[in-house]
C-alpha atoms as a PDB file:
ATOM      1  CA  MET A   1     303.079 133.983  14.306  1.00  0.00           C
ATOM      2  CA  SER A   2     299.889 132.757  16.076  1.00  0.00           C
ATOM      3  CA  ARG A   3     299.615 130.406  19.127  1.00  0.00           C
ATOM      4  CA  PRO A   4     299.396 126.984  17.875  1.00  0.00           C
ATOM      5  CA  SER A   5     295.909 125.125  18.067  1.00  0.00           C
ATOM      6  CA  THR A   6     295.702 121.070  19.084  1.00  0.00           C
ATOM      7  CA  PHE A   7     292.626 119.220  17.992  1.00  0.00           C
ATOM      8  CA  THR A   8     292.081 115.574  19.256  1.00  0.00           C
ATOM      9  CA  ILE A   9     290.785 112.912  16.528  1.00  0.00           C
ATOM     10  CA  SER A  10     290.216 109.561  17.653  1.00  0.00           C
ATOM     11  CA  GLY A  11     292.387 109.861  20.666  1.00  0.00           C
ATOM     12  CA  GLN A  12     295.186 111.625  18.530  1.00  0.00           C
ATOM     13  CA  ASN A  13     296.138 115.159  18.706  1.00  0.00           C
ATOM     14  CA  TRP A  14     296.530 117.355  15.568  1.00  0.00           C
ATOM     15  CA  THR A  15     298.220 120.553  16.009  1.00  0.00           C
ATOM     16  CA  TYR A  16     297.632 123.894  13.771  1.00  0.00           C
ATOM     17  CA  TYR A  17     300.688 126.173  13.447  1.00  0.00           C
ATOM     18  CA  GLY A  18     299.069 128.640  10.650  1.00  0.00           C
ATOM     19  CA  CYS A  19     299.184 132.143  10.938  1.00  0.00           C
ATOM     20  CA  GLY A  20     295.753 133.489  10.038  1.00  0.00           C
ATOM     21  CA  GLY A  21     292.089 132.969  11.070  1.00  0.00           C
ATOM     22  CA  ARG A  22     291.370 131.811   7.349  1.00  0.00           C
ATOM     23  CA  GLU A  23     293.985 128.905   7.578  1.00  0.00           C
ATOM     24  CA  LYS A  24     292.764 127.997  10.886  1.00  0.00           C
ATOM     25  CA  ARG A  25     289.170 127.830   9.660  1.00  0.00           C
ATOM     26  CA  THR A  26     290.125 125.631   6.819  1.00  0.00           C
ATOM     27  CA  PHE A  27     291.887 123.322   8.918  1.00  0.00           C
ATOM     28  CA  ARG A  28     289.218 123.093  11.275  1.00  0.00           C
ATOM     29  CA  THR A  29     287.056 121.971   8.332  1.00  0.00           C
ATOM     30  CA  PHE A  30     289.748 119.414   7.580  1.00  0.00           C
ATOM     31  CA  VAL A  31     289.663 118.043  11.379  1.00  0.00           C
ATOM     32  CA  ARG A  32     285.832 117.977  11.292  1.00  0.00           C
ATOM     33  CA  THR A  33     285.952 116.072   7.705  1.00  0.00           C
ATOM     34  CA  PHE A  34     288.611 113.590   8.784  1.00  0.00           C
ATOM     35  CA  SER A  35     286.925 113.022  12.311  1.00  0.00           C
ATOM     36  CA  GLU A  36     283.379 112.396  10.634  1.00  0.00           C
ATOM     37  CA  GLU A  37     285.183 109.782   8.496  1.00  0.00           C
ATOM     38  CA  VAL A  38     287.153 108.216  11.009  1.00  0.00           C
ATOM     39  CA  SER A  39     284.074 107.908  13.392  1.00  0.00           C
ATOM     40  CA  ARG A  40     282.124 105.802  10.800  1.00  0.00           C
ATOM     41  CA  ILE A  41     284.589 103.347   9.195  1.00  0.00           C
ATOM     42  CA  GLU A  42     283.746 103.396   5.349  1.00  0.00           C
ATOM     43  CA  PHE A  43     284.982 100.810   2.909  1.00  0.00           C
ATOM     44  CA  LYS A  44     287.568 102.798   1.505  1.00  0.00           C
ATOM     45  CA  HIS A  45     288.844 103.721   4.797  1.00  0.00           C
ATOM     46  CA  TYR A  46     289.008 100.371   5.851  1.00  0.00           C
ATOM     47  CA  CYS A  47     290.659  99.064   2.609  1.00  0.00           C
ATOM     48  CA  LYS A  48     293.522 101.727   2.918  1.00  0.00           C
ATOM     49  CA  GLY A  49     294.268 100.996   6.374  1.00  0.00           C
ATOM     50  CA  ILE A  50     295.119  97.221   5.201  1.00  0.00           C
ATOM     51  CA  TYR A  51     296.174  97.223   1.614  1.00  0.00           C
ATOM     52  CA  ASN A  52     298.961  99.535   2.040  1.00  0.00           C
ATOM     53  CA  GLU A  53     300.582  97.046   4.350  1.00  0.00           C
ATOM     54  CA  THR A  54     300.079  94.052   2.519  1.00  0.00           C
ATOM     55  CA  GLN A  55     302.659  91.755   0.467  1.00  0.00           C
ATOM     56  CA  GLY A  56     301.725  89.425  -2.405  1.00  0.00           C
ATOM     57  CA  VAL A  57     298.673  91.707  -3.403  1.00  0.00           C
ATOM     58  CA  PRO A  58     299.706  93.154  -6.427  1.00  0.00           C
ATOM     59  CA  ASN A  59     297.131  95.974  -6.629  1.00  0.00           C
ATOM     60  CA  GLN A  60     293.959  97.634  -4.973  1.00  0.00           C
ATOM     61  CA  ASP A  61     291.297  95.609  -7.630  1.00  0.00           C
ATOM     62  CA  THR A  62     293.232  92.085  -6.537  1.00  0.00           C
ATOM     63  CA  PHE A  63     292.932  93.140  -2.972  1.00  0.00           C
ATOM     64  CA  VAL A  64     289.220  93.716  -3.032  1.00  0.00           C
ATOM     65  CA  ILE A  65     288.438  90.933  -5.462  1.00  0.00           C
ATOM     66  CA  GLU A  66     290.242  88.701  -3.019  1.00  0.00           C
ATOM     67  CA  MET A  67     288.585  89.861   0.406  1.00  0.00           C
ATOM     68  CA  PHE A  68     285.624  89.307  -1.013  1.00  0.00           C
ATOM     69  CA  GLU A  69     286.249  85.734  -2.287  1.00  0.00           C
ATOM     70  CA  TYR A  70     287.736  84.607   1.350  1.00  0.00           C
ATOM     71  CA  SER A  71     284.700  86.375   3.039  1.00  0.00           C
ATOM     72  CA  GLY A  72     282.414  84.221   1.263  1.00  0.00           C
ATOM     73  CA  SER A  73     280.900  86.682  -1.432  1.00  0.00           C
ATOM     74  CA  SER A  74     279.663  85.296  -4.597  1.00  0.00           C
ATOM     75  CA  TYR A  75     279.691  88.328  -6.424  1.00  0.00           C
ATOM     76  CA  VAL A  76     281.463  87.926  -9.657  1.00  0.00           C
ATOM     77  CA  PHE A  77     283.877  91.029 -11.001  1.00  0.00           C
ATOM     78  CA  ASN A  78     284.087  90.849 -14.817  1.00  0.00           C
ATOM     79  CA  ASP A  79     287.314  90.716 -16.697  1.00  0.00           C
ATOM     80  CA  ARG A  80     289.081  88.989 -13.766  1.00  0.00           C
ATOM     81  CA  SER A  81     292.686  88.999 -13.819  1.00  0.00           C
ATOM     82  CA  ALA A  82     295.621  90.158 -11.733  1.00  0.00           C
ATOM     83  CA  TYR A  83     295.107  93.531 -13.676  1.00  0.00           C
ATOM     84  CA  SER A  84     291.207  93.926 -14.501  1.00  0.00           C
ATOM     85  CA  ARG A  85     290.455  96.177 -17.328  1.00  0.00           C
ATOM     86  CA  SER A  86     287.139  97.484 -15.946  1.00  0.00           C
ATOM     87  CA  ASN A  87     289.079  98.278 -12.218  1.00  0.00           C
ATOM     88  CA  TYR A  88     285.698  98.239 -10.616  1.00  0.00           C
ATOM     89  CA  ALA A  89     287.045  96.681  -7.782  1.00  0.00           C
ATOM     90  CA  ALA A  90     289.543  99.453  -7.057  1.00  0.00           C
ATOM     91  CA  LYS A  91     286.526 101.792  -7.540  1.00  0.00           C
ATOM     92  CA  LEU A  92     285.120 100.014  -4.820  1.00  0.00           C
ATOM     93  CA  TYR A  93     288.136 100.695  -3.134  1.00  0.00           C
ATOM     94  CA  ASN A  94     288.609 104.121  -3.438  1.00  0.00           C
ATOM     95  CA  GLY A  95     285.282 104.882  -3.033  1.00  0.00           C
ATOM     96  CA  GLY A  96     284.490 105.507  -6.842  1.00  0.00           C
ATOM     97  CA  LYS A  97     281.627 103.104  -6.625  1.00  0.00           C
ATOM     98  CA  PRO A  98     279.501 102.180  -3.490  1.00  0.00           C
ATOM     99  CA  LEU A  99     279.088  98.871  -2.209  1.00  0.00           C
ATOM    100  CA  SER A 100     275.406  98.348  -3.773  1.00  0.00           C
ATOM    101  CA  GLY A 101     272.580  96.197  -2.302  1.00  0.00           C
ATOM    102  CA  LYS A 102     273.471  93.553  -4.812  1.00  0.00           C
ATOM    103  CA  ILE A 103     277.086  93.236  -3.654  1.00  0.00           C
ATOM    104  CA  ARG A 104     276.052  93.609   0.140  1.00  0.00           C
ATOM    105  CA  ARG A 105     273.623  90.480  -0.475  1.00  0.00           C
ATOM    106  CA  SER A 106     276.391  88.311  -2.078  1.00  0.00           C
ATOM    107  CA  PHE A 107     278.150  87.888   1.121  1.00  0.00           C
ATOM    108  CA  PRO A 108     276.698  85.336   3.509  1.00  0.00           C
ATOM    109  CA  ASP A 109     275.630  86.590   7.128  1.00  0.00           C
ATOM    110  CA  PRO A 110     277.671  86.288   8.881  1.00  0.00           C
ATOM    111  CA  ILE A 111     280.641  86.400   6.690  1.00  0.00           C
ATOM    112  CA  ASN A 112     283.098  83.866   6.270  1.00  0.00           C
ATOM    113  CA  LYS A 113     285.174  85.372   9.152  1.00  0.00           C
ATOM    114  CA  SER A 114     287.794  82.009   9.406  1.00  0.00           C
ATOM    115  CA  GLY A 115     288.503  82.333   5.826  1.00  0.00           C
ATOM    116  CA  TYR A 116     288.820  86.436   5.430  1.00  0.00           C
ATOM    117  CA  ALA A 117     290.664  86.421   8.839  1.00  0.00           C
ATOM    118  CA  LYS A 118     293.683  83.814   7.416  1.00  0.00           C
ATOM    119  CA  TYR A 119     293.604  85.726   4.262  1.00  0.00           C
ATOM    120  CA  LEU A 120     294.631  88.895   6.543  1.00  0.00           C
ATOM    121  CA  VAL A 121     296.995  86.830   8.450  1.00  0.00           C
ATOM    122  CA  GLU A 122     299.005  85.731   5.057  1.00  0.00           C
ATOM    123  CA  HIS A 123     299.475  88.874   3.571  1.00  0.00           C
ATOM    124  CA  ILE A 124     299.426  91.479   6.278  1.00  0.00           C
ATOM    125  CA  LYS A 125     303.432  92.027   6.602  1.00  0.00           C
ATOM    126  CA  LYS A 126     305.035  91.044   9.804  1.00  0.00           C
ATOM    127  CA  ALA A 127     306.804  94.594  10.264  1.00  0.00           C
ATOM    128  CA  SER A 128     303.632  96.309   9.521  1.00  0.00           C
ATOM    129  CA  VAL A 129     301.028  94.832  11.921  1.00  0.00           C
ATOM    130  CA  ARG A 130     301.644  98.027  14.472  1.00  0.00           C
ATOM    131  CA  THR A 131     301.274 100.259  11.547  1.00  0.00           C
ATOM    132  CA  VAL A 132     297.755  98.517  11.190  1.00  0.00           C
ATOM    133  CA  MET A 133     296.895  98.922  14.670  1.00  0.00           C
ATOM    134  CA  ASN A 134     297.303 102.016  14.722  1.00  0.00           C
ATOM    135  CA  TYR A 135     295.525 103.263  11.626  1.00  0.00           C
ATOM    136  CA  PHE A 136     292.553 101.605  13.556  1.00  0.00           C
ATOM    137  CA  THR A 137     293.504 103.395  16.789  1.00  0.00           C
ATOM    138  CA  ILE A 138     294.591 100.238  18.795  1.00  0.00           C
ATOM    139  CA  PRO A 139     296.099 101.531  21.747  1.00  0.00           C
ATOM    140  CA  THR A 140     300.147 101.735  21.660  1.00  0.00           C
ATOM    141  CA  ASP A 141     300.565  99.808  24.694  1.00  0.00           C
ATOM    142  CA  ALA A 142     298.644  97.022  23.202  1.00  0.00           C
ATOM    143  CA  ASP A 143     300.726  93.698  22.379  1.00  0.00           C
ATOM    144  CA  GLU A 144     300.987  92.652  18.829  1.00  0.00           C
ATOM    145  CA  ASN A 145     299.049  89.650  17.567  1.00  0.00           C
ATOM    146  CA  ILE A 146     298.182  89.205  14.109  1.00  0.00           C
ATOM    147  CA  GLU A 147     295.555  86.669  14.621  1.00  0.00           C
ATOM    148  CA  ALA A 148     293.455  88.765  17.094  1.00  0.00           C
ATOM    149  CA  LEU A 149     294.119  91.762  14.591  1.00  0.00           C
ATOM    150  CA  ALA A 150     292.732  89.785  11.805  1.00  0.00           C
ATOM    151  CA  MET A 151     289.766  88.428  13.549  1.00  0.00           C
ATOM    152  CA  ALA A 152     288.930  92.118  14.870  1.00  0.00           C
ATOM    153  CA  LEU A 153     288.996  93.469  11.373  1.00  0.00           C
ATOM    154  CA  ALA A 154     286.842  90.764   9.835  1.00  0.00           C
ATOM    155  CA  ASP A 155     284.175  91.541  12.475  1.00  0.00           C
ATOM    156  CA  GLN A 156     284.524  95.474  11.329  1.00  0.00           C
ATOM    157  CA  LEU A 157     284.101  94.229   7.757  1.00  0.00           C
ATOM    158  CA  GLN A 158     280.943  92.414   9.145  1.00  0.00           C
ATOM    159  CA  ILE A 159     279.447  95.613  10.112  1.00  0.00           C
ATOM    160  CA  ILE A 160     280.419  97.361   6.800  1.00  0.00           C
ATOM    161  CA  ILE A 161     278.746  94.873   4.910  1.00  0.00           C
ATOM    162  CA  HIS A 162     275.519  93.864   6.451  1.00  0.00           C
ATOM    163  CA  GLU A 163     275.005  97.382   8.511  1.00  0.00           C
ATOM    164  CA  PRO A 164     275.750  99.782   6.236  1.00  0.00           C
ATOM    165  CA  ASP A 165     273.981 102.382   8.559  1.00  0.00           C
ATOM    166  CA  SER A 166     275.841 101.876  11.383  1.00  0.00           C
ATOM    167  CA  ASN A 167     278.622 103.945  13.092  1.00  0.00           C
ATOM    168  CA  ALA A 168     280.218 101.075  15.079  1.00  0.00           C
ATOM    169  CA  ASP A 169     283.770 101.110  15.098  1.00  0.00           C
ATOM    170  CA  VAL A 170     284.645  97.663  17.210  1.00  0.00           C
ATOM    171  CA  VAL A 171     288.317  97.037  16.079  1.00  0.00           C
ATOM    172  CA  ALA A 172     290.192  98.346  19.077  1.00  0.00           C
ATOM    173  CA  THR A 173     287.663  96.345  21.483  1.00  0.00           C
ATOM    174  CA  ASN A 174     287.429  93.641  19.676  1.00  0.00           C
ATOM    175  CA  TYR A 175     290.985  93.065  19.386  1.00  0.00           C
ATOM    176  CA  GLN A 176     291.464  93.210  23.143  1.00  0.00           C
ATOM    177  CA  GLN A 177     289.058  90.715  23.597  1.00  0.00           C
ATOM    178  CA  TYR A 178     290.615  88.452  21.041  1.00  0.00           C
ATOM    179  CA  LEU A 179     293.836  88.748  22.792  1.00  0.00           C
ATOM    180  CA  ILE A 180     292.214  87.443  26.031  1.00  0.00           C
ATOM    181  CA  ALA A 181     289.764  84.964  24.637  1.00  0.00           C
ATOM    182  CA  PRO A 182     290.316  83.884  20.981  1.00  0.00           C
ATOM    183  CA  VAL A 183     287.436  82.380  19.258  1.00  0.00           C
ATOM    184  CA  GLU A 184     288.421  79.184  17.124  1.00  0.00           C
ATOM    185  CA  ARG A 185     284.927  78.182  15.980  1.00  0.00           C
ATOM    186  CA  GLY A 186     281.180  79.180  16.125  1.00  0.00           C
ATOM    187  CA  TRP A 187     281.880  82.945  15.644  1.00  0.00           C
ATOM    188  CA  THR A 188     279.463  85.574  16.504  1.00  0.00           C
ATOM    189  CA  PRO A 189     280.080  88.962  15.157  1.00  0.00           C
ATOM    190  CA  MET A 190     280.709  91.399  18.425  1.00  0.00           C
ATOM    191  CA  LYS A 191     279.432  94.685  18.397  1.00  0.00           C
ATOM    192  CA  PRO A 192     278.158  97.379  21.056  1.00  0.00           C
ATOM    193  CA  LEU A 193     274.891  98.050  22.097  1.00  0.00           C
ATOM    194  CA  TYR A 194     275.264 101.632  20.556  1.00  0.00           C
ATOM    195  CA  ASP A 195     276.972 102.642  17.592  1.00  0.00           C
ATOM    196  CA  GLY A 196     280.147 104.309  18.008  1.00  0.00           C
ATOM    197  CA  ASP A 197     280.485 102.784  21.585  1.00  0.00           C
ATOM    198  CA  ALA A 198     283.977 101.327  22.692  1.00  0.00           C
ATOM    199  CA  PHE A 199     286.294 100.660  25.503  1.00  0.00           C
ATOM    200  CA  TRP A 200     289.784  99.835  26.077  1.00  0.00           C
ATOM    201  CA  VAL A 201     290.930  98.328  29.635  1.00  0.00           C
ATOM    202  CA  ASP A 202     294.372  99.768  30.773  1.00  0.00           C
ATOM    203  CA  PRO A 203     296.615  96.686  31.387  1.00  0.00           C
ATOM    204  CA  GLN A 204     299.471  99.087  33.116  1.00  0.00           C
ATOM    205  CA  VAL A 205     296.951  99.524  35.884  1.00  0.00           C
ATOM    206  CA  THR A 206     294.491  96.669  35.674  1.00  0.00           C
ATOM    207  CA  VAL A 207     296.206  93.647  36.936  1.00  0.00           C
ATOM    208  CA  ARG A 208     294.378  90.676  35.365  1.00  0.00           C
ATOM    209  CA  THR A 209     295.254  87.574  37.499  1.00  0.00           C
ATOM    210  CA  HIS A 210     295.459  87.534  41.383  1.00  0.00           C
ATOM    211  CA  THR A 211     297.258  84.675  42.895  1.00  0.00           C
ATOM    212  CA  VAL A 212     296.034  84.938  46.769  1.00  0.00           C
ATOM    213  CA  ASP A 213     296.233  82.514  49.835  1.00  0.00           C
ATOM    214  CA  PHE A 214     293.111  81.256  51.398  1.00  0.00           C
ATOM    215  CA  TYR A 215     290.827  83.773  52.840  1.00  0.00           C
ATOM    216  CA  GLU A 216     292.913  86.458  51.762  1.00  0.00           C
ATOM    217  CA  ARG A 217     291.490  90.137  51.059  1.00  0.00           C
ATOM    218  CA  PHE A 218     292.498  91.983  48.121  1.00  0.00           C
ATOM    219  CA  THR A 219     291.655  94.555  45.859  1.00  0.00           C
ATOM    220  CA  HIS A 220     291.273  94.587  42.036  1.00  0.00           C
ATOM    221  CA  THR A 221     291.334  97.933  40.007  1.00  0.00           C
ATOM    222  CA  TRP A 222     290.129  98.572  36.741  1.00  0.00           C
ATOM    223  CA  LYS A 223     290.867 101.534  34.459  1.00  0.00           C
ATOM    224  CA  ILE A 224     288.554 101.835  31.683  1.00  0.00           C
ATOM    225  CA  ILE A 225     289.014 103.971  28.899  1.00  0.00           C
ATOM    226  CA  ASN A 226     286.191 105.491  26.650  1.00  0.00           C
ATOM    227  CA  THR A 227     287.621 104.985  23.303  1.00  0.00           C
ATOM    228  CA  GLY A 228     284.508 105.488  21.123  1.00  0.00           C
ATOM    229  CA  SER A 229     282.671 108.385  20.366  1.00  0.00           C
ATOM    230  CA  VAL A 230     279.432 107.778  22.780  1.00  0.00           C
ATOM    231  CA  PRO A 231     279.535 109.613  26.436  1.00  0.00           C
ATOM    232  CA  TRP A 232     278.905 107.223  29.270  1.00  0.00           C
ATOM    233  CA  LYS A 233     275.940 108.140  31.329  1.00  0.00           C
ATOM    234  CA  ASN A 234     274.756 105.926  34.433  1.00  0.00           C
ATOM    235  CA  ARG A 235     276.839 102.841  33.546  1.00  0.00           C
ATOM    236  CA  LYS A 236     277.575 100.432  35.953  1.00  0.00           C
ATOM    237  CA  LEU A 237     280.120  97.341  36.326  1.00  0.00           C
ATOM    238  CA  VAL A 238     278.086  94.281  37.208  1.00  0.00           C
ATOM    239  CA  CYS A 239     279.155  90.819  38.195  1.00  0.00           C
ATOM    240  CA  GLN A 240     277.804  88.048  36.335  1.00  0.00           C
ATOM    241  CA  ASN A 241     278.546  84.843  38.211  1.00  0.00           C
ATOM    242  CA  ALA A 242     278.823  85.636  41.577  1.00  0.00           C
ATOM    243  CA  ASP A 243     276.828  82.112  42.406  1.00  0.00           C
ATOM    244  CA  GLU A 244     279.171  80.212  40.654  1.00  0.00           C
ATOM    245  CA  ILE A 245     282.350  80.935  42.247  1.00  0.00           C
ATOM    246  CA  THR A 246     283.993  80.857  45.829  1.00  0.00           C
ATOM    247  CA  PRO A 247     285.704  84.096  46.243  1.00  0.00           C
ATOM    248  CA  THR A 248     283.127  86.829  46.574  1.00  0.00           C
ATOM    249  CA  ALA A 249     283.397  90.391  45.818  1.00  0.00           C
ATOM    250  CA  GLU A 250     282.267  92.944  48.433  1.00  0.00           C
ATOM    251  CA  GLN A 251     279.821  94.344  45.608  1.00  0.00           C
ATOM    252  CA  MET A 252     278.296  92.874  42.778  1.00  0.00           C
ATOM    253  CA  SER A 253     277.593  96.146  41.040  1.00  0.00           C
ATOM    254  CA  ILE A 254     279.795  99.109  40.996  1.00  0.00           C
ATOM    255  CA  GLU A 255     278.827 102.655  39.806  1.00  0.00           C
ATOM    256  CA  LEU A 256     281.078 104.018  36.859  1.00  0.00           C
ATOM    257  CA  PRO A 257     281.505 107.953  36.794  1.00  0.00           C
ATOM    258  CA  ASP A 258     280.423 109.473  33.692  1.00  0.00           C
ATOM    259  CA  THR A 259     283.135 109.454  31.323  1.00  0.00           C
ATOM    260  CA  ASP A 260     283.070 111.162  27.846  1.00  0.00           C
ATOM    261  CA  PRO A 261     284.793 109.975  24.908  1.00  0.00           C
ATOM    262  CA  ASN A 262     288.718 109.826  25.316  1.00  0.00           C
ATOM    263  CA  ARG A 263     288.595 109.981  29.258  1.00  0.00           C
ATOM    264  CA  SER A 264     289.139 107.288  31.503  1.00  0.00           C
ATOM    265  CA  ALA A 265     287.200 105.835  34.852  1.00  0.00           C
ATOM    266  CA  THR A 266     289.035 103.924  37.436  1.00  0.00           C
ATOM    267  CA  VAL A 267     286.990 101.745  39.826  1.00  0.00           C
ATOM    268  CA  SER A 268     287.997  98.874  42.374  1.00  0.00           C
ATOM    269  CA  VAL A 269     286.249  96.358  44.404  1.00  0.00           C
ATOM    270  CA  GLU A 270     287.371  94.182  47.319  1.00  0.00           C
ATOM    271  CA  PHE A 271     287.377  90.270  46.749  1.00  0.00           C
ATOM    272  CA  ASP A 272     287.294  87.533  49.652  1.00  0.00           C
ATOM    273  CA  ALA A 273     289.537  84.390  48.316  1.00  0.00           C
ATOM    274  CA  ARG A 274     287.692  82.204  50.596  1.00  0.00           C
ATOM    275  CA  GLY A 275     288.804  78.688  51.446  1.00  0.00           C
ATOM    276  CA  GLU A 276     288.856  76.718  48.223  1.00  0.00           C
ATOM    277  CA  GLU A 277     291.828  75.829  46.317  1.00  0.00           C
ATOM    278  CA  GLU A 278     291.171  76.751  42.205  1.00  0.00           C
ATOM    279  CA  THR A 279     291.377  79.179  39.585  1.00  0.00           C
ATOM    280  CA  PHE A 280     288.304  81.095  39.393  1.00  0.00           C
ATOM    281  CA  VAL A 281     287.184  83.604  36.803  1.00  0.00           C
ATOM    282  CA  SER A 282     284.930  86.516  38.209  1.00  0.00           C
ATOM    283  CA  ARG A 283     282.821  87.618  34.965  1.00  0.00           C
ATOM    284  CA  TRP A 284     282.159  91.596  34.828  1.00  0.00           C
ATOM    285  CA  PHE A 285     280.018  93.209  32.149  1.00  0.00           C
ATOM    286  CA  ILE A 286     279.107  97.128  31.700  1.00  0.00           C
ATOM    287  CA  VAL A 287     275.488  97.875  31.856  1.00  0.00           C
ATOM    288  CA  ASN A 288     273.265 100.943  31.290  1.00  0.00           C
ATOM    289  CA  GLU A 289     270.810 102.347  33.421  1.00  0.00           C
ATOM    290  CA  ASP A 290     268.353  99.903  32.413  1.00  0.00           C
ATOM    291  CA  ASP A 291     270.512  96.981  33.146  1.00  0.00           C
ATOM    292  CA  SER A 292     271.377  96.084  29.409  1.00  0.00           C
ATOM    293  CA  ASN A 293     274.856  94.756  28.404  1.00  0.00           C
ATOM    294  CA  CYS A 294     276.576  97.590  26.620  1.00  0.00           C
ATOM    295  CA  PHE A 295     278.657  95.103  25.095  1.00  0.00           C
ATOM    296  CA  PRO A 296     276.956  91.884  24.377  1.00  0.00           C
ATOM    297  CA  GLU A 297     279.525  89.223  23.799  1.00  0.00           C
ATOM    298  CA  PHE A 298     282.345  91.228  25.425  1.00  0.00           C
ATOM    299  CA  SER A 299     283.885  90.482  28.842  1.00  0.00           C
ATOM    300  CA  GLY A 300     287.589  88.833  28.796  1.00  0.00           C
ATOM    301  CA  SER A 301     289.023  92.366  29.504  1.00  0.00           C
ATOM    302  CA  LEU A 302     286.825  92.913  32.303  1.00  0.00           C
ATOM    303  CA  ASN A 303     287.162  89.522  33.846  1.00  0.00           C
ATOM    304  CA  VAL A 304     289.085  89.179  37.173  1.00  0.00           C
ATOM    305  CA  THR A 305     291.234  85.939  37.409  1.00  0.00           C
ATOM    306  CA  ILE A 306     291.517  84.752  40.895  1.00  0.00           C
ATOM    307  CA  ASP A 307     294.096  81.753  41.460  1.00  0.00           C
ATOM    308  CA  VAL A 308     293.492  80.749  45.222  1.00  0.00           C
ATOM    309  CA  ARG A 309     296.279  78.600  46.911  1.00  0.00           C
ATOM    310  CA  ASN A 310     296.726  77.109  50.472  1.00  0.00           C
ATOM    311  CA  MET A 311     300.016  78.654  50.798  1.00  0.00           C
ATOM    312  CA  ARG A 312     299.828  78.267  54.820  1.00  0.00           C
ATOM    313  CA  PHE A 313     299.645  74.377  54.008  1.00  0.00           C
ATOM    314  CA  LYS A 314     302.492  74.388  51.511  1.00  0.00           C
ATOM    315  CA  ARG A 315     304.862  76.761  53.909  1.00  0.00           C
ATOM    316  CA  THR A 316     304.145  74.105  56.728  1.00  0.00           C
ATOM    317  CA  GLY A 317     305.046  70.892  54.610  1.00  0.00           C
ATOM    318  CA  GLY A 318     301.619  69.588  53.969  1.00  0.00           C
ATOM    319  CA  SER A 319     300.445  70.328  57.561  1.00  0.00           C
ATOM    320  CA  SER A 320     297.834  73.156  57.991  1.00  0.00           C
ATOM    321  CA  ILE A 321     298.388  72.929  61.726  1.00  0.00           C
ATOM    322  CA  GLY A 322     300.659  75.890  62.745  1.00  0.00           C
END
């Protein structure tokens, strides 16, 4: 038997155990085809990742019809019923029919995110939340949160409907953003500057909140994983609100090492807490060589929360004099 070959697709390893070169070429074709489909989330790929884990939705036809309704589409399907005779919606589901311009124009821009997200929360089975997260390549160490997942999935549907030429896969990155800073109103669809670009901040390495004493110096470390398909070149982490908070970072701009997809970059910065008792948030963004924000509207997972306390004052029972 020949030596196994391993291929990586969207961060997941696939191992080939075949014997001959012909079988291996066939497997490589499968890997390439699957990878291309995953890199651009088609409507059929999107639907399959959700519908199979729902409850109270009798069939694929109904799933698409209700998705349209709750997202604000005015499109009317013929022979409407739980088991439509035309099955046109089911054909959209499985890719047998494309999303035409007429269908896309039937949706508001942006789509009704709150209505659709509520629908997903009601119908995705609680026991299947992790399965849906895995399907959309959300890292396995992420906390489960159905509301954050529903909002991230709504962001992806917005792109599928209104940006048909886009390769943006925003589910994982937006999910982490919604975990940290849920958006309840005034929603704007979030997408990266470059199609296919995405990141994940490793919570096992990155401590989000630092509780420190007056004038304490401490180090904050980010481990940022390139979970997209765009290689990172000449990027930086930049502090956006240094003039608005009391704690100061030793550097306002930190160069990120060039980072290929599925690789990570680890960088650190030293802070001086200074002497004001309050909780501050130091806001950071990833920018390109032209200082353009690579992830507009994304910030939560890169932010540093600094809880400054006068611990000496508390230790001495209210007197700061030693």
